[in-house]
Amino acid sequence: MEPWMAIHEWNSMGCGGTNSEFDCVSRLGQNAANSAFQAHWKNWITQQDIQQMQSFGLNTIRIPVGFWINEDLVYSDSEYFPQGGLQYLEQVVGWASDAGLYIIIDLHGAPGAQVAQNSFTGQYASTPGFYVDYQYERAYRFLEWMTNIIHTNHKYRNVGMLEVVNEPVQYIVTSMLQDYYPTAWKRIRAAEDRLNVSPYDRLHIQMMNQLWGSGNPNQFLNDLYFAAYDDHRYVKWAHPTVEKTQAAYLSTTCHDDRGGNWPTVVGEWSLSVADDVQFSATFDPSSNVGWYKKWWAAQVMAYERQQGWIFWSWKAQLGDYRWSYRDAVAAGAIPADPGQAYNMGACDGV
């Protein structure tokens, strides 16, 4: 959970003033934190949300999980994470499978934290501690465990892709390319071999693509069968490459090429623009709905030149539809039928 996206929920859970799940659990104590987080999981995403996604023409969801959802991997004497999340994950994937949605599960929070001072890792670590052998081993065990669940629990039947780590550091870590990716691949496939999973029923194994900036994920892989790649495209952080104007944002998107590794899913993107202009007259969301709708269409068309897209996120408490697909539909910035992206002329003459 990222506090900035749901600050009212975070505060109501008793986590106000803390930066991460780790910090909140450490402050509240395990039992009180478990009660708070389980109440959050029970109500944040419901079956009605899944049905609404389906009614909006969405066909894929990406579920971020922390390694600590496998409670056997947590160091009980030094790590503090909420417990009891697995039953809620099972519930959500069951609803999504019943609705016919394709499901990606991604290792969003890696052991030791894959980046520093970022709440999405589940902790607010001063340095990234993931890139060592013993943390890799905990991640391999998580991936094996999750692979086994996916292939043996009917509720997970529509999970077709497993991402081995979300958003690693944006520089080359040789051990990740040379050791972590190949070994994660082998351990997932070995788990499938033990279950006699047929080749056509195997998971797509997903890594961040080369555009992310962590190197070429294929560099040390000998097997690319059912390989897949993730790209996160936030144009808001592309300055100074992209000028902070409507025309520049739209032109960049209309000519955007997120390829390089195939198949790539653009697994995160939004309608948010650069922080210092986001509430200016040019970009204010309340008075520029039409432009945001056009920019949404341009992004959809660009990312569908790859293997598709998933908006970040479905739901937020920002009072700003640019980070919430559900709110953007309600505001008219996204049509209820995503196929309409091709009928708007968003990139005509651009």
Protein backbone atom coordinates (compact mmCIF):
# COMPACT_ATOMS: atom_id res chain seq x y z
CA MET A 1 0.00 0.00 0.00
CA GLU A 2 1.29 3.48 -0.94
CA PRO A 3 0.08 5.98 1.67
CA TRP A 4 0.05 8.97 -0.70
CA MET A 5 -2.58 7.32 -2.89
CA ALA A 6 -5.03 6.59 -0.07
CA ILE A 7 -4.09 8.91 2.77
CA HIS A 8 -7.55 8.93 4.36
CA GLU A 9 -7.60 5.13 4.46
CA TRP A 10 -4.03 5.06 5.76
CA ASN A 11 -4.85 7.46 8.57
CA SER A 12 -8.05 5.64 9.50
CA MET A 13 -6.03 2.43 9.88
CA GLY A 14 -3.88 4.12 12.50
CA CYS A 15 -0.90 4.38 10.15
CA GLY A 16 -0.85 8.17 9.84
CA GLY A 17 2.64 9.64 10.00
CA THR A 18 4.35 6.42 8.89
CA ASN A 19 5.89 5.81 5.47
CA SER A 20 5.23 2.14 4.83
CA GLU A 21 3.48 -1.04 5.88
CA PHE A 22 6.62 -2.11 7.76
CA ASP A 23 6.65 1.15 9.75
CA CYS A 24 2.93 0.98 10.50
CA VAL A 25 3.06 -2.60 11.75
CA SER A 26 6.11 -1.78 13.85
CA ARG A 27 4.22 1.08 15.52
CA LEU A 28 0.81 -0.56 15.99
CA GLY A 29 2.02 -3.99 16.96
CA GLN A 30 1.29 -7.19 15.06
CA ASN A 31 -2.22 -7.94 16.30
CA ALA A 32 -3.60 -4.41 15.94
CA ALA A 33 -1.94 -4.04 12.52
CA ASN A 34 -3.36 -7.36 11.33
CA SER A 35 -6.87 -6.21 12.25
CA ALA A 36 -6.39 -2.85 10.51
CA PHE A 37 -4.95 -4.27 7.30
CA GLN A 38 -7.46 -7.10 7.08
CA ALA A 39 -10.30 -4.61 7.35
CA HIS A 40 -8.65 -2.59 4.57
CA TRP A 41 -8.21 -5.62 2.30
CA LYS A 42 -11.80 -6.68 2.90
CA ASN A 43 -13.24 -3.37 1.71
CA TRP A 44 -10.75 -1.70 -0.63
CA ILE A 45 -11.35 -3.97 -3.65
CA THR A 46 -14.69 -5.79 -3.70
CA GLN A 47 -16.50 -8.03 -6.13
CA GLN A 48 -18.42 -4.95 -7.24
CA ASP A 49 -15.11 -3.35 -8.29
CA ILE A 50 -14.27 -6.38 -10.40
CA GLN A 51 -17.71 -6.31 -12.00
CA GLN A 52 -17.33 -2.60 -12.72
CA MET A 53 -13.95 -3.21 -14.37
CA GLN A 54 -15.60 -5.80 -16.57
CA SER A 55 -18.46 -3.44 -17.42
CA PHE A 56 -15.89 -0.82 -18.51
CA GLY A 57 -14.49 -3.25 -21.07
CA LEU A 58 -11.28 -3.98 -19.16
CA ASN A 59 -9.92 -7.49 -19.63
CA THR A 60 -6.77 -7.59 -17.47
CA ILE A 61 -5.82 -6.78 -13.89
CA ARG A 62 -2.37 -6.59 -12.33
CA ILE A 63 -2.18 -7.40 -8.64
CA PRO A 64 0.85 -6.14 -6.70
CA VAL A 65 1.89 -8.30 -3.76
CA GLY A 66 4.72 -8.20 -1.26
CA PHE A 67 6.91 -11.21 -0.56
CA TRP A 68 5.57 -11.13 3.03
CA ILE A 69 2.23 -12.53 1.91
CA ASN A 70 4.15 -15.81 2.32
CA GLU A 71 4.55 -15.39 6.06
CA ASP A 72 7.13 -18.18 6.30
CA LEU A 73 9.62 -15.92 4.50
CA VAL A 74 9.43 -13.08 7.03
CA TYR A 75 12.17 -12.71 9.66
CA SER A 76 9.97 -12.63 12.74
CA ASP A 77 12.67 -11.06 14.90
CA SER A 78 13.41 -8.09 12.65
CA GLU A 79 10.69 -7.58 10.02
CA TYR A 80 7.21 -6.19 10.53
CA PHE A 81 4.55 -6.83 7.91
CA PRO A 82 0.77 -7.34 8.07
CA GLN A 83 -0.42 -10.94 8.19
CA GLY A 84 -3.43 -12.70 6.75
CA GLY A 85 -3.34 -11.26 3.23
CA LEU A 86 -3.38 -14.56 1.32
CA GLN A 87 -7.08 -15.21 1.87
CA TYR A 88 -7.93 -11.82 0.37
CA LEU A 89 -5.67 -12.39 -2.63
CA GLU A 90 -7.45 -15.70 -3.20
CA GLN A 91 -10.79 -13.94 -3.00
CA VAL A 92 -9.86 -11.25 -5.53
CA VAL A 93 -8.34 -13.65 -8.07
CA GLY A 94 -11.41 -15.85 -7.71
CA TRP A 95 -13.72 -12.94 -8.52
CA ALA A 96 -11.50 -11.89 -11.42
CA SER A 97 -11.36 -15.42 -12.80
CA ASP A 98 -15.14 -15.72 -12.57
CA ALA A 99 -15.39 -12.44 -14.50
CA GLY A 100 -13.10 -13.75 -17.23
CA LEU A 101 -10.29 -11.27 -16.55
CA TYR A 102 -6.67 -12.13 -17.29
CA ILE A 103 -4.53 -11.75 -14.15
CA ILE A 104 -0.92 -10.71 -13.67
CA ILE A 105 0.59 -11.14 -10.20
CA ASP A 106 3.72 -9.11 -9.62
CA LEU A 107 6.31 -9.28 -6.85
CA HIS A 108 5.86 -5.62 -5.98
CA GLY A 109 7.74 -5.60 -2.70
CA ALA A 110 10.94 -7.68 -2.77
CA PRO A 111 12.91 -8.92 0.24
CA GLY A 112 15.17 -6.18 1.53
CA ALA A 113 13.48 -3.58 -0.74
CA GLN A 114 14.51 -3.25 -4.38
CA VAL A 115 14.72 0.56 -4.19
CA ALA A 116 15.37 2.96 -1.34
CA GLN A 117 12.81 5.16 0.39
CA ASN A 118 9.79 4.08 -1.61
CA SER A 119 6.60 2.89 0.05
CA PHE A 120 5.66 0.50 -2.77
CA THR A 121 8.35 -1.88 -1.53
CA GLY A 122 6.46 -2.25 1.76
CA GLN A 123 9.23 -0.59 3.70
CA TYR A 124 11.08 2.71 3.61
CA ALA A 125 14.60 1.35 3.51
CA SER A 126 17.54 3.77 3.51
CA THR A 127 19.29 1.69 0.84
CA PRO A 128 18.11 -1.05 -1.54
CA GLY A 129 18.89 -4.31 0.21
CA PHE A 130 17.50 -6.76 -2.33
CA TYR A 131 20.60 -7.33 -4.47
CA VAL A 132 22.36 -10.00 -2.40
CA ASP A 133 22.20 -13.78 -2.56
CA TYR A 134 20.19 -14.43 0.60
CA GLN A 135 17.49 -11.94 -0.41
CA TYR A 136 17.38 -13.42 -3.90
CA GLU A 137 16.84 -16.81 -2.28
CA ARG A 138 13.81 -15.53 -0.40
CA ALA A 139 12.42 -14.14 -3.67
CA TYR A 140 12.99 -17.48 -5.43
CA ARG A 141 11.10 -19.24 -2.65
CA PHE A 142 8.25 -16.74 -2.99
CA LEU A 143 8.08 -17.32 -6.76
CA GLU A 144 8.11 -21.11 -6.36
CA TRP A 145 5.39 -20.92 -3.72
CA MET A 146 3.23 -18.60 -5.82
CA THR A 147 3.72 -20.77 -8.92
CA ASN A 148 2.52 -23.80 -7.00
CA ILE A 149 -0.58 -21.96 -5.73
CA ILE A 150 -1.45 -20.64 -9.19
CA HIS A 151 -1.34 -24.10 -10.73
CA THR A 152 -3.13 -25.96 -7.92
CA ASN A 153 -5.84 -23.56 -6.73
CA HIS A 154 -8.79 -23.23 -9.10
CA LYS A 155 -9.45 -19.64 -8.06
CA TYR A 156 -6.13 -18.69 -9.63
CA ARG A 157 -7.03 -20.27 -12.97
CA ASN A 158 -6.84 -16.99 -14.90
CA VAL A 159 -3.43 -16.00 -13.59
CA GLY A 160 -1.27 -16.25 -16.68
CA MET A 161 1.72 -14.09 -15.80
CA LEU A 162 4.06 -13.77 -12.83
CA GLU A 163 6.41 -10.80 -12.60
CA VAL A 164 9.68 -11.57 -10.82
CA VAL A 165 10.30 -8.05 -9.46
CA ASN A 166 8.64 -4.67 -9.90
CA GLU A 167 10.68 -1.55 -10.69
CA PRO A 168 14.22 -2.46 -9.67
CA VAL A 169 16.85 0.27 -9.50
CA GLN A 170 17.32 2.10 -12.79
CA TYR A 171 20.95 1.25 -13.28
CA ILE A 172 22.81 -1.97 -14.04
CA VAL A 173 23.07 -4.47 -11.21
CA THR A 174 25.05 -7.30 -12.76
CA SER A 175 23.92 -9.87 -10.21
CA MET A 176 20.27 -9.22 -11.04
CA LEU A 177 20.83 -9.81 -14.75
CA GLN A 178 23.33 -12.62 -14.38
CA ASP A 179 21.97 -14.42 -11.33
CA TYR A 180 18.51 -13.34 -10.26
CA TYR A 181 16.64 -13.38 -13.56
CA PRO A 182 18.06 -16.73 -14.80
CA THR A 183 17.65 -18.45 -11.43
CA ALA A 184 14.13 -17.08 -10.90
CA TRP A 185 13.27 -18.42 -14.35
CA LYS A 186 14.71 -21.87 -13.56
CA ARG A 187 13.01 -22.10 -10.18
CA ILE A 188 9.58 -21.20 -11.62
CA ARG A 189 9.96 -23.71 -14.45
CA ALA A 190 11.23 -26.40 -12.06
CA ALA A 191 8.16 -25.87 -9.88
CA GLU A 192 5.99 -26.32 -12.98
CA ASP A 193 7.93 -29.43 -13.97
CA ARG A 194 7.22 -30.97 -10.57
CA LEU A 195 3.51 -30.36 -11.18
CA ASN A 196 3.68 -31.73 -14.73
CA VAL A 197 2.32 -28.49 -16.16
CA SER A 198 2.02 -28.73 -19.93
CA PRO A 199 4.02 -26.28 -22.07
CA TYR A 200 0.91 -24.38 -23.16
CA ASP A 201 -0.29 -23.95 -19.57
CA ARG A 202 2.95 -22.52 -18.23
CA LEU A 203 3.16 -19.05 -16.78
CA HIS A 204 4.50 -16.14 -18.72
CA ILE A 205 7.49 -14.97 -16.70
CA GLN A 206 7.65 -11.17 -16.69
CA MET A 207 10.59 -8.81 -16.17
CA MET A 208 10.94 -5.05 -16.56
CA ASN A 209 11.89 -4.30 -20.15
CA GLN A 210 15.12 -2.67 -21.24
CA LEU A 211 13.49 0.76 -21.49
CA TRP A 212 13.10 0.75 -17.71
CA GLY A 213 16.84 1.31 -17.37
CA SER A 214 18.01 -1.78 -15.48
CA GLY A 215 19.64 -3.44 -18.47
CA ASN A 216 18.52 -6.05 -20.97
CA PRO A 217 16.65 -8.74 -19.02
CA ASN A 218 17.43 -11.29 -21.74
CA GLN A 219 21.19 -10.88 -21.51
CA PHE A 220 21.87 -14.04 -19.52
CA LEU A 221 18.72 -16.04 -20.27
CA ASN A 222 19.01 -19.21 -22.32
CA ASP A 223 15.27 -19.85 -22.53
CA LEU A 224 12.71 -17.24 -23.58
CA TYR A 225 9.67 -19.51 -23.91
CA PHE A 226 6.71 -17.52 -22.57
CA ALA A 227 8.92 -14.62 -21.57
CA ALA A 228 7.11 -11.31 -21.09
CA TYR A 229 8.13 -7.77 -20.22
CA ASP A 230 6.78 -4.83 -18.25
CA ASP A 231 7.08 -1.15 -19.10
CA HIS A 232 6.00 1.73 -16.87
CA ARG A 233 5.40 4.91 -18.82
CA TYR A 234 4.83 8.06 -16.81
CA VAL A 235 5.26 10.98 -19.19
CA LYS A 236 4.93 13.32 -16.21
CA TRP A 237 8.51 12.45 -15.24
CA ALA A 238 9.95 12.77 -18.75
CA HIS A 239 10.91 16.45 -18.39
CA PRO A 240 13.18 17.99 -19.70
CA THR A 241 12.93 15.57 -22.61
CA VAL A 242 9.25 16.46 -22.92
CA GLU A 243 8.11 20.05 -22.58
CA LYS A 244 5.31 20.74 -20.12
CA THR A 245 2.67 21.65 -22.69
CA GLN A 246 -0.45 19.89 -23.92
CA ALA A 247 0.98 19.74 -27.43
CA ALA A 248 4.27 18.20 -26.30
CA TYR A 249 2.57 15.59 -24.13
CA LEU A 250 0.23 14.58 -26.92
CA SER A 251 2.94 14.53 -29.59
CA THR A 252 5.26 12.46 -27.40
CA THR A 253 2.54 9.90 -26.80
CA CYS A 254 1.34 9.72 -30.39
CA HIS A 255 4.88 8.89 -31.53
CA ASP A 256 5.80 6.77 -28.51
CA ASP A 257 7.47 3.41 -29.09
CA ARG A 258 7.61 1.28 -25.96
CA GLY A 259 9.08 -1.73 -27.75
CA GLY A 260 12.50 -3.33 -27.53
CA ASN A 261 11.50 -6.54 -25.74
CA TRP A 262 8.52 -8.50 -27.00
CA PRO A 263 5.89 -8.99 -25.74
CA THR A 264 5.77 -5.87 -23.56
CA VAL A 265 2.75 -4.93 -21.47
CA VAL A 266 2.69 -1.30 -20.36
CA GLY A 267 1.82 -2.28 -16.83
CA GLU A 268 1.68 1.19 -15.30
CA TRP A 269 0.70 4.60 -16.69
CA SER A 270 -1.58 7.44 -15.70
CA LEU A 271 -3.00 10.76 -16.79
CA SER A 272 -0.91 12.73 -14.31
CA VAL A 273 1.35 15.52 -15.55
CA ALA A 274 4.42 17.20 -14.06
CA ASP A 275 3.86 18.21 -10.45
CA ASP A 276 4.66 21.89 -10.89
CA VAL A 277 2.04 22.37 -13.62
CA GLN A 278 -0.61 19.82 -12.69
CA PHE A 279 -3.07 22.42 -11.36
CA SER A 280 -2.16 25.22 -13.75
CA ALA A 281 -4.82 26.57 -16.10
CA THR A 282 -3.34 24.43 -18.89
CA PHE A 283 -3.60 21.16 -17.01
CA ASP A 284 -6.22 21.63 -14.30
CA PRO A 285 -8.27 18.41 -14.42
CA SER A 286 -11.62 20.09 -13.82
CA SER A 287 -11.38 22.41 -16.81
CA ASN A 288 -9.42 20.23 -19.24
CA VAL A 289 -11.43 17.01 -19.29
CA GLY A 290 -11.57 17.03 -23.09
CA TRP A 291 -7.82 17.22 -23.44
CA TYR A 292 -7.24 14.47 -20.88
CA LYS A 293 -9.69 12.26 -22.78
CA LYS A 294 -7.70 12.84 -25.97
CA TRP A 295 -4.41 12.12 -24.20
CA TRP A 296 -5.89 8.96 -22.70
CA ALA A 297 -6.85 7.80 -26.21
CA ALA A 298 -3.38 8.54 -27.55
CA GLN A 299 -1.79 6.51 -24.75
CA VAL A 300 -4.14 3.59 -25.31
CA MET A 301 -3.30 3.48 -29.01
CA ALA A 302 0.44 3.76 -28.33
CA TYR A 303 0.47 0.99 -25.75
CA GLU A 304 -1.72 -1.28 -27.82
CA ARG A 305 1.03 -1.25 -30.42
CA GLN A 306 2.70 -3.41 -27.79
CA GLN A 307 0.82 -6.17 -25.95
CA GLY A 308 -1.60 -3.93 -24.12
CA TRP A 309 -1.81 -1.85 -20.96
CA ILE A 310 -2.93 -1.58 -17.36
CA PHE A 311 -3.71 1.82 -15.88
CA TRP A 312 -2.25 2.76 -12.48
CA SER A 313 -4.46 2.63 -10.64
CA TRP A 314 -8.05 1.49 -10.43
CA LYS A 315 -8.85 3.41 -7.25
CA ALA A 316 -7.29 6.21 -5.22
CA GLN A 317 -8.26 8.82 -2.63
CA LEU A 318 -6.57 11.82 -4.19
CA GLY A 319 -9.65 13.65 -5.41
CA ASP A 320 -7.82 13.56 -8.75
CA TYR A 321 -9.07 11.29 -11.52
CA ARG A 322 -5.67 11.29 -13.21
CA TRP A 323 -4.55 8.47 -10.90
CA SER A 324 -7.87 6.59 -10.73
CA TYR A 325 -9.42 4.80 -13.71
CA ARG A 326 -12.75 4.52 -11.94
CA ASP A 327 -12.84 8.22 -11.13
CA ALA A 328 -11.72 9.18 -14.63
CA VAL A 329 -14.64 7.30 -16.14
CA ALA A 330 -17.00 9.04 -13.74
CA ALA A 331 -15.49 12.41 -14.71
CA GLY A 332 -15.82 11.72 -18.44
CA ALA A 333 -12.05 11.73 -19.01
CA ILE A 334 -12.14 8.05 -19.96
CA PRO A 335 -15.05 6.54 -21.91
CA ALA A 336 -16.81 3.50 -20.49
CA ASP A 337 -15.80 1.65 -23.67
CA PRO A 338 -12.01 1.73 -24.16
CA GLY A 339 -12.48 0.83 -27.81
CA GLN A 340 -13.60 4.42 -28.33
CA ALA A 341 -9.93 5.44 -28.21
CA TYR A 342 -9.71 4.73 -31.92
CA ASN A 343 -12.67 6.96 -32.81
CA MET A 344 -11.46 10.23 -31.30
CA GLY A 345 -8.83 11.29 -33.79
CA ALA A 346 -6.45 11.93 -30.89
CA CYS A 347 -3.34 11.71 -33.03
CA ASP A 348 -4.73 13.09 -36.29
CA GLY A 349 -2.26 15.63 -37.65
CA VAL A 350 0.02 15.28 -34.63
